[in-house]
PDB file of N, CA and C in Angstrom:
ATOM      1  N   UNK A   1      89.227 120.879 102.848  1.00  0.00           N
ATOM      2  CA  UNK A   1      88.113 120.020 103.581  1.00  0.00           C
ATOM      3  C   UNK A   1      89.117 119.150 104.457  1.00  0.00           C
ATOM      4  N   UNK A   2      88.722 118.980 105.793  1.00  0.00           N
ATOM      5  CA  UNK A   2      89.432 117.878 106.682  1.00  0.00           C
ATOM      6  C   UNK A   2      88.449 116.942 106.926  1.00  0.00           C
ATOM      7  N   UNK A   3      88.880 115.600 106.676  1.00  0.00           N
ATOM      8  CA  UNK A   3      88.163 114.445 106.996  1.00  0.00           C
ATOM      9  C   UNK A   3      88.643 113.715 107.978  1.00  0.00           C
ATOM     10  N   UNK A   4      87.681 113.332 109.109  1.00  0.00           N
ATOM     11  CA  UNK A   4      88.260 112.630 110.103  1.00  0.00           C
ATOM     12  C   UNK A   4      87.542 111.198 110.068  1.00  0.00           C
ATOM     13  N   UNK A   5      88.466 110.286 110.225  1.00  0.00           N
ATOM     14  CA  UNK A   5      87.933 108.887 110.086  1.00  0.00           C
ATOM     15  C   UNK A   5      88.310 108.207 111.540  1.00  0.00           C
ATOM     16  N   UNK A   6      87.182 107.600 112.037  1.00  0.00           N
ATOM     17  CA  UNK A   6      87.624 106.764 113.346  1.00  0.00           C
ATOM     18  C   UNK A   6      87.748 105.506 112.849  1.00  0.00           C
ATOM     19  N   UNK A   7      88.796 104.754 113.311  1.00  0.00           N
ATOM     20  CA  UNK A   7      89.121 103.299 113.037  1.00  0.00           C
ATOM     21  C   UNK A   7      88.294 102.511 114.237  1.00  0.00           C
ATOM     22  N   UNK A   8      87.562 101.687 113.934  1.00  0.00           N
ATOM     23  CA  UNK A   8      86.685 101.272 115.018  1.00  0.00           C
ATOM     24  C   UNK A   8      87.088 100.172 115.868  1.00  0.00           C
ATOM     25  N   UNK A   9      88.288  99.379 115.360  1.00  0.00           N
ATOM     26  CA  UNK A   9      89.261  98.487 116.385  1.00  0.00           C
ATOM     27  C   UNK A   9      90.174  99.292 117.326  1.00  0.00           C
ATOM     28  N   UNK A  10      90.400 100.486 116.916  1.00  0.00           N
ATOM     29  CA  UNK A  10      91.415 101.247 117.771  1.00  0.00           C
ATOM     30  C   UNK A  10      90.842 102.693 117.845  1.00  0.00           C
ATOM     31  N   UNK A  11      90.837 103.169 119.181  1.00  0.00           N
ATOM     32  CA  UNK A  11      90.183 104.508 119.324  1.00  0.00           C
ATOM     33  C   UNK A  11      91.148 105.510 118.712  1.00  0.00           C
ATOM     34  N   UNK A  12      90.930 105.771 117.481  1.00  0.00           N
ATOM     35  CA  UNK A  12      92.099 106.560 116.798  1.00  0.00           C
ATOM     36  C   UNK A  12      91.242 107.305 115.647  1.00  0.00           C
ATOM     37  N   UNK A  13      91.602 108.622 115.343  1.00  0.00           N
ATOM     38  CA  UNK A  13      91.032 109.511 114.397  1.00  0.00           C
ATOM     39  C   UNK A  13      92.142 109.788 113.483  1.00  0.00           C
ATOM     40  N   UNK A  14      91.885 109.818 112.162  1.00  0.00           N
ATOM     41  CA  UNK A  14      92.926 110.169 111.196  1.00  0.00           C
ATOM     42  C   UNK A  14      92.389 111.418 110.472  1.00  0.00           C
ATOM     43  N   UNK A  15      93.202 112.429 110.305  1.00  0.00           N
ATOM     44  CA  UNK A  15      92.941 113.529 109.621  1.00  0.00           C
ATOM     45  C   UNK A  15      93.910 113.852 108.518  1.00  0.00           C
ATOM     46  N   UNK A  16      93.336 114.216 107.286  1.00  0.00           N
ATOM     47  CA  UNK A  16      94.143 114.469 106.268  1.00  0.00           C
ATOM     48  C   UNK A  16      93.688 115.541 105.515  1.00  0.00           C
ATOM     49  N   UNK A  17      94.462 116.244 104.786  1.00  0.00           N
ATOM     50  CA  UNK A  17      93.954 117.492 103.928  1.00  0.00           C
ATOM     51  C   UNK A  17      93.736 116.952 102.372  1.00  0.00           C
ATOM     52  N   UNK A  18      92.639 117.011 102.101  1.00  0.00           N
ATOM     53  CA  UNK A  18      92.163 116.592 100.633  1.00  0.00           C
ATOM     54  C   UNK A  18      92.455 117.721  99.631  1.00  0.00           C
ATOM     55  N   UNK A  19      93.232 117.143  98.569  1.00  0.00           N
ATOM     56  CA  UNK A  19      93.373 117.997  97.286  1.00  0.00           C
ATOM     57  C   UNK A  19      92.267 117.898  96.541  1.00  0.00           C
ATOM     58  N   UNK A  20      92.319 118.590  95.340  1.00  0.00           N
ATOM     59  CA  UNK A  20      91.137 118.594  94.390  1.00  0.00           C
ATOM     60  C   UNK A  20      90.988 117.078  93.925  1.00  0.00           C
ATOM     61  N   UNK A  21      91.993 116.313  93.629  1.00  0.00           N
ATOM     62  CA  UNK A  21      91.583 114.973  93.045  1.00  0.00           C
ATOM     63  C   UNK A  21      90.969 113.967  94.294  1.00  0.00           C
ATOM     64  N   UNK A  22      91.484 114.227  95.513  1.00  0.00           N
ATOM     65  CA  UNK A  22      90.835 113.573  96.758  1.00  0.00           C
ATOM     66  C   UNK A  22      89.473 113.893  96.859  1.00  0.00           C
ATOM     67  N   UNK A  23      89.079 115.089  96.762  1.00  0.00           N
ATOM     68  CA  UNK A  23      87.977 115.702  96.746  1.00  0.00           C
ATOM     69  C   UNK A  23      86.822 115.066  95.779  1.00  0.00           C
ATOM     70  N   UNK A  24      87.417 115.076  94.598  1.00  0.00           N
ATOM     71  CA  UNK A  24      86.494 114.466  93.352  1.00  0.00           C
ATOM     72  C   UNK A  24      86.388 113.108  93.486  1.00  0.00           C
ATOM     73  N   UNK A  25      87.350 112.241  94.247  1.00  0.00           N
ATOM     74  CA  UNK A  25      87.394 111.043  94.413  1.00  0.00           C
ATOM     75  C   UNK A  25      86.307 110.672  95.521  1.00  0.00           C
ATOM     76  N   UNK A  26      86.207 111.577  96.602  1.00  0.00           N
ATOM     77  CA  UNK A  26      85.430 111.478  97.745  1.00  0.00           C
ATOM     78  C   UNK A  26      84.037 111.612  97.407  1.00  0.00           C
ATOM     79  N   UNK A  27      83.895 112.495  96.570  1.00  0.00           N
ATOM     80  CA  UNK A  27      82.523 113.011  96.035  1.00  0.00           C
ATOM     81  C   UNK A  27      81.943 111.829  95.274  1.00  0.00           C
ATOM     82  N   UNK A  28      82.677 111.197  94.382  1.00  0.00           N
ATOM     83  CA  UNK A  28      82.375 109.969  93.613  1.00  0.00           C
ATOM     84  C   UNK A  28      81.942 108.680  94.418  1.00  0.00           C
ATOM     85  N   UNK A  29      82.792 108.593  95.540  1.00  0.00           N
ATOM     86  CA  UNK A  29      82.617 107.395  96.518  1.00  0.00           C
ATOM     87  C   UNK A  29      81.452 107.613  97.365  1.00  0.00           C
ATOM     88  N   UNK A  30      80.705 108.875  97.661  1.00  0.00           N
ATOM     89  CA  UNK A  30      79.801 109.233  98.417  1.00  0.00           C
ATOM     90  C   UNK A  30      78.583 109.678  97.854  1.00  0.00           C
ATOM     91  N   UNK A  31      78.530 109.643  96.481  1.00  0.00           N
ATOM     92  CA  UNK A  31      77.348 109.998  95.565  1.00  0.00           C
ATOM     93  C   UNK A  31      76.225 109.333  95.861  1.00  0.00           C
ATOM     94  N   UNK A  32      76.386 107.951  96.262  1.00  0.00           N
ATOM     95  CA  UNK A  32      75.330 107.078  96.386  1.00  0.00           C
ATOM     96  C   UNK A  32      74.748 106.989  97.961  1.00  0.00           C
ATOM     97  N   UNK A  33      75.241 108.135  98.654  1.00  0.00           N
ATOM     98  CA  UNK A  33      74.702 108.238  99.987  1.00  0.00           C
ATOM     99  C   UNK A  33      75.945 107.522 101.020  1.00  0.00           C
ATOM    100  N   UNK A  34      76.744 106.865 100.441  1.00  0.00           N
ATOM    101  CA  UNK A  34      77.793 106.074 101.519  1.00  0.00           C
ATOM    102  C   UNK A  34      78.485 107.377 102.369  1.00  0.00           C
ATOM    103  N   UNK A  35      78.583 107.019 103.640  1.00  0.00           N
ATOM    104  CA  UNK A  35      79.168 108.134 104.449  1.00  0.00           C
ATOM    105  C   UNK A  35      80.543 108.335 104.125  1.00  0.00           C
ATOM    106  N   UNK A  36      81.071 109.438 104.509  1.00  0.00           N
ATOM    107  CA  UNK A  36      82.547 109.721 104.108  1.00  0.00           C
ATOM    108  C   UNK A  36      83.449 108.768 105.003  1.00  0.00           C
ATOM    109  N   UNK A  37      83.058 108.411 106.293  1.00  0.00           N
ATOM    110  CA  UNK A  37      83.787 107.458 107.001  1.00  0.00           C
ATOM    111  C   UNK A  37      83.760 106.051 106.161  1.00  0.00           C
ATOM    112  N   UNK A  38      82.637 105.564 105.839  1.00  0.00           N
ATOM    113  CA  UNK A  38      82.668 104.394 105.285  1.00  0.00           C
ATOM    114  C   UNK A  38      83.598 104.345 103.801  1.00  0.00           C
ATOM    115  N   UNK A  39      83.415 105.236 103.031  1.00  0.00           N
ATOM    116  CA  UNK A  39      83.940 105.359 101.864  1.00  0.00           C
ATOM    117  C   UNK A  39      85.550 105.462 102.056  1.00  0.00           C
ATOM    118  N   UNK A  40      85.950 106.178 102.965  1.00  0.00           N
ATOM    119  CA  UNK A  40      87.483 106.359 103.133  1.00  0.00           C
ATOM    120  C   UNK A  40      87.990 104.902 103.849  1.00  0.00           C
ATOM    121  N   UNK A  41      87.205 104.410 104.943  1.00  0.00           N
ATOM    122  CA  UNK A  41      87.523 103.132 105.450  1.00  0.00           C
ATOM    123  C   UNK A  41      87.734 101.925 104.095  1.00  0.00           C
ATOM    124  N   UNK A  42      86.827 101.858 103.381  1.00  0.00           N
ATOM    125  CA  UNK A  42      86.822 101.087 102.230  1.00  0.00           C
ATOM    126  C   UNK A  42      87.835 101.396 101.175  1.00  0.00           C
ATOM    127  N   UNK A  43      88.106 102.543 100.982  1.00  0.00           N
ATOM    128  CA  UNK A  43      89.400 102.897  99.892  1.00  0.00           C
ATOM    129  C   UNK A  43      90.535 102.479 100.607  1.00  0.00           C
ATOM    130  N   UNK A  44      90.765 102.656 102.009  1.00  0.00           N
ATOM    131  CA  UNK A  44      91.889 102.290 102.624  1.00  0.00           C
ATOM    132  C   UNK A  44      92.179 100.788 102.508  1.00  0.00           C
ATOM    133  N   UNK A  45      91.125 100.071 102.901  1.00  0.00           N
ATOM    134  CA  UNK A  45      91.259  98.524 102.790  1.00  0.00           C
ATOM    135  C   UNK A  45      91.513  97.953 101.358  1.00  0.00           C
ATOM    136  N   UNK A  46      90.848  98.738 100.404  1.00  0.00           N
ATOM    137  CA  UNK A  46      91.061  98.384  98.997  1.00  0.00           C
ATOM    138  C   UNK A  46      92.380  98.608  98.562  1.00  0.00           C
ATOM    139  N   UNK A  47      92.986  99.847  98.995  1.00  0.00           N
ATOM    140  CA  UNK A  47      94.289 100.140  98.615  1.00  0.00           C
ATOM    141  C   UNK A  47      95.409  99.261  99.080  1.00  0.00           C
ATOM    142  N   UNK A  48      95.294  98.758 100.579  1.00  0.00           N
ATOM    143  CA  UNK A  48      95.979  97.866 101.055  1.00  0.00           C
ATOM    144  C   UNK A  48      96.002  96.480 100.383  1.00  0.00           C
ATOM    145  N   UNK A  49      94.848  96.078 100.128  1.00  0.00           N
ATOM    146  CA  UNK A  49      94.667  94.616  99.421  1.00  0.00           C
ATOM    147  C   UNK A  49      95.434  94.856  97.932  1.00  0.00           C
ATOM    148  N   UNK A  50      95.059  95.828  97.357  1.00  0.00           N
ATOM    149  CA  UNK A  50      95.783  95.964  96.094  1.00  0.00           C
ATOM    150  C   UNK A  50      97.386  96.029  96.092  1.00  0.00           C
ATOM    151  N   UNK A  51      97.881  96.888  97.184  1.00  0.00           N
ATOM    152  CA  UNK A  51      99.307  96.910  97.241  1.00  0.00           C
ATOM    153  C   UNK A  51      99.831  95.632  97.764  1.00  0.00           C
ATOM    154  N   UNK A  52      99.219  94.783  98.531  1.00  0.00           N
ATOM    155  CA  UNK A  52      99.545  93.490  98.991  1.00  0.00           C
ATOM    156  C   UNK A  52      99.685  92.697  97.627  1.00  0.00           C
ATOM    157  N   UNK A  53      98.529  92.568  96.832  1.00  0.00           N
ATOM    158  CA  UNK A  53      98.542  91.875  95.554  1.00  0.00           C
ATOM    159  C   UNK A  53      99.872  92.046  94.907  1.00  0.00           C
ATOM    160  N   UNK A  54     100.157  93.321  94.478  1.00  0.00           N
ATOM    161  CA  UNK A  54     101.151  93.839  93.604  1.00  0.00           C
ATOM    162  C   UNK A  54     102.397  93.411  94.079  1.00  0.00           C
ATOM    163  N   UNK A  55     102.723  93.495  95.461  1.00  0.00           N
ATOM    164  CA  UNK A  55     103.853  92.950  96.104  1.00  0.00           C
ATOM    165  C   UNK A  55     104.136  91.489  95.880  1.00  0.00           C
ATOM    166  N   UNK A  56     103.001  90.627  96.214  1.00  0.00           N
ATOM    167  CA  UNK A  56     102.958  89.543  95.943  1.00  0.00           C
ATOM    168  C   UNK A  56     103.233  89.024  94.406  1.00  0.00           C
ATOM    169  N   UNK A  57     102.615  89.536  93.428  1.00  0.00           N
ATOM    170  CA  UNK A  57     103.009  89.490  92.126  1.00  0.00           C
ATOM    171  C   UNK A  57     104.337  89.586  91.662  1.00  0.00           C
ATOM    172  N   UNK A  58     104.871  90.753  92.128  1.00  0.00           N
ATOM    173  CA  UNK A  58     106.433  91.081  91.903  1.00  0.00           C
ATOM    174  C   UNK A  58     107.206  90.043  92.670  1.00  0.00           C
ATOM    175  N   UNK A  59     107.068  89.432  93.779  1.00  0.00           N
ATOM    176  CA  UNK A  59     108.016  88.508  94.440  1.00  0.00           C
ATOM    177  C   UNK A  59     107.709  87.341  93.430  1.00  0.00           C
ATOM    178  N   UNK A  60     106.528  86.908  93.128  1.00  0.00           N
ATOM    179  CA  UNK A  60     106.371  85.515  92.412  1.00  0.00           C
ATOM    180  C   UNK A  60     107.051  85.680  91.047  1.00  0.00           C
ATOM    181  N   UNK A  61     106.981  87.047  90.491  1.00  0.00           N
ATOM    182  CA  UNK A  61     107.754  87.142  89.153  1.00  0.00           C
ATOM    183  C   UNK A  61     109.268  86.948  89.457  1.00  0.00           C
ATOM    184  N   UNK A  62     109.723  87.438  90.282  1.00  0.00           N
ATOM    185  CA  UNK A  62     111.142  87.451  90.672  1.00  0.00           C
ATOM    186  C   UNK A  62     111.480  86.035  90.876  1.00  0.00           C
ATOM    187  N   UNK A  63     110.776  85.154  91.849  1.00  0.00           N
ATOM    188  CA  UNK A  63     111.026  83.801  92.111  1.00  0.00           C
ATOM    189  C   UNK A  63     111.051  82.955  90.840  1.00  0.00           C
ATOM    190  N   UNK A  64     110.195  83.184  90.050  1.00  0.00           N
ATOM    191  CA  UNK A  64     109.867  82.495  88.748  1.00  0.00           C
ATOM    192  C   UNK A  64     110.998  82.692  87.845  1.00  0.00           C
ATOM    193  N   UNK A  65     111.706  83.937  88.002  1.00  0.00           N
ATOM    194  CA  UNK A  65     112.898  84.276  87.032  1.00  0.00           C
ATOM    195  C   UNK A  65     114.174  83.744  87.653  1.00  0.00           C
ATOM    196  N   UNK A  66     114.188  83.011  88.793  1.00  0.00           N
ATOM    197  CA  UNK A  66     115.222  82.751  89.384  1.00  0.00           C
ATOM    198  C   UNK A  66     115.536  81.197  89.134  1.00  0.00           C
ATOM    199  N   UNK A  67     116.646  81.037  88.040  1.00  0.00           N
ATOM    200  CA  UNK A  67     116.617  79.709  87.414  1.00  0.00           C
ATOM    201  C   UNK A  67     117.167  78.603  88.560  1.00  0.00           C
ATOM    202  N   UNK A  68     118.038  79.305  89.423  1.00  0.00           N
ATOM    203  CA  UNK A  68     118.590  78.345  90.437  1.00  0.00           C
ATOM    204  C   UNK A  68     117.610  77.875  91.440  1.00  0.00           C
ATOM    205  N   UNK A  69     116.700  78.816  91.737  1.00  0.00           N
ATOM    206  CA  UNK A  69     115.484  78.300  92.718  1.00  0.00           C
ATOM    207  C   UNK A  69     114.647  77.373  92.068  1.00  0.00           C
ATOM    208  N   UNK A  70     114.397  77.655  90.724  1.00  0.00           N
ATOM    209  CA  UNK A  70     113.462  76.601  90.004  1.00  0.00           C
ATOM    210  C   UNK A  70     114.114  75.347  90.024  1.00  0.00           C
ATOM    211  N   UNK A  71     115.420  75.129  89.689  1.00  0.00           N
ATOM    212  CA  UNK A  71     116.007  74.029  89.571  1.00  0.00           C
ATOM    213  C   UNK A  71     116.084  73.237  90.961  1.00  0.00           C
ATOM    214  N   UNK A  72     116.252  74.081  91.955  1.00  0.00           N
ATOM    215  CA  UNK A  72     116.353  73.387  93.489  1.00  0.00           C
ATOM    216  C   UNK A  72     114.830  72.835  93.578  1.00  0.00           C
ATOM    217  N   UNK A  73     113.842  73.573  93.313  1.00  0.00           N
ATOM    218  CA  UNK A  73     112.477  73.170  93.691  1.00  0.00           C
ATOM    219  C   UNK A  73     112.118  71.813  92.765  1.00  0.00           C
ATOM    220  N   UNK A  74     112.758  71.659  91.793  1.00  0.00           N
ATOM    221  CA  UNK A  74     112.386  70.590  90.754  1.00  0.00           C
ATOM    222  C   UNK A  74     113.237  69.512  91.264  1.00  0.00           C
ATOM    223  N   UNK A  75     114.470  69.618  91.826  1.00  0.00           N
ATOM    224  CA  UNK A  75     115.022  68.647  92.590  1.00  0.00           C
ATOM    225  C   UNK A  75     114.343  67.917  93.793  1.00  0.00           C
ATOM    226  N   UNK A  76     113.824  69.006  94.562  1.00  0.00           N
ATOM    227  CA  UNK A  76     113.238  68.374  95.923  1.00  0.00           C
ATOM    228  C   UNK A  76     111.914  67.767  95.561  1.00  0.00           C
ATOM    229  N   UNK A  77     111.377  68.048  94.334  1.00  0.00           N
ATOM    230  CA  UNK A  77     110.101  67.463  93.917  1.00  0.00           C
ATOM    231  C   UNK A  77     110.558  65.844  93.355  1.00  0.00           C
ATOM    232  N   UNK A  78     111.484  65.881  92.695  1.00  0.00           N
ATOM    233  CA  UNK A  78     112.054  64.586  92.295  1.00  0.00           C
ATOM    234  C   UNK A  78     112.487  63.731  93.458  1.00  0.00           C
ATOM    235  N   UNK A  79     113.104  64.347  94.582  1.00  0.00           N
ATOM    236  CA  UNK A  79     113.639  63.706  95.885  1.00  0.00           C
ATOM    237  C   UNK A  79     112.306  63.226  96.448  1.00  0.00           C
ATOM    238  N   UNK A  80     111.319  63.943  96.659  1.00  0.00           N
ATOM    239  CA  UNK A  80     110.103  63.796  97.319  1.00  0.00           C
ATOM    240  C   UNK A  80     109.277  62.512  96.552  1.00  0.00           C
ATOM    241  N   UNK A  81     109.324  62.361  95.414  1.00  0.00           N
ATOM    242  CA  UNK A  81     108.518  61.501  94.611  1.00  0.00           C
ATOM    243  C   UNK A  81     108.923  59.920  95.091  1.00  0.00           C
ATOM    244  N   UNK A  82     110.136  59.692  95.525  1.00  0.00           N
ATOM    245  CA  UNK A  82     110.312  58.463  96.122  1.00  0.00           C
ATOM    246  C   UNK A  82     109.772  58.018  97.501  1.00  0.00           C
ATOM    247  N   UNK A  83     109.221  59.068  98.205  1.00  0.00           N
ATOM    248  CA  UNK A  83     108.554  59.027  99.389  1.00  0.00           C
ATOM    249  C   UNK A  83     107.121  58.571  99.290  1.00  0.00           C
ATOM    250  N   UNK A  84     106.485  58.995  98.132  1.00  0.00           N
ATOM    251  CA  UNK A  84     105.130  58.842  97.985  1.00  0.00           C
ATOM    252  C   UNK A  84     104.593  57.337  98.243  1.00  0.00           C
ATOM    253  N   UNK A  85     103.512  57.382  99.085  1.00  0.00           N
ATOM    254  CA  UNK A  85     103.085  56.075  99.474  1.00  0.00           C
ATOM    255  C   UNK A  85     102.296  55.334  98.379  1.00  0.00           C
ATOM    256  N   UNK A  86     101.946  55.837  97.208  1.00  0.00           N
ATOM    257  CA  UNK A  86     101.280  55.074  96.362  1.00  0.00           C
ATOM    258  C   UNK A  86     101.902  55.425  94.890  1.00  0.00           C
TER     259      UNK A  86
END
């Protein structure tokens, strides 16, 4: 099955070849009457959000494990404390 999706902000059509897993997922996402275009659009947006969240979590974990960075941040906070107005 070939599914075409038109992105509304950009006059563009996307075509892909669905394998058996994608067909089952698409059937599940459209079982309630949701159009194929809406289901694919929502799935793409959700996948991008999830990927962004995973990247941010990985970066936060990396930064939290960086002892030198944490020590520098703590020093900056101590230095800034003297500048407080109250």
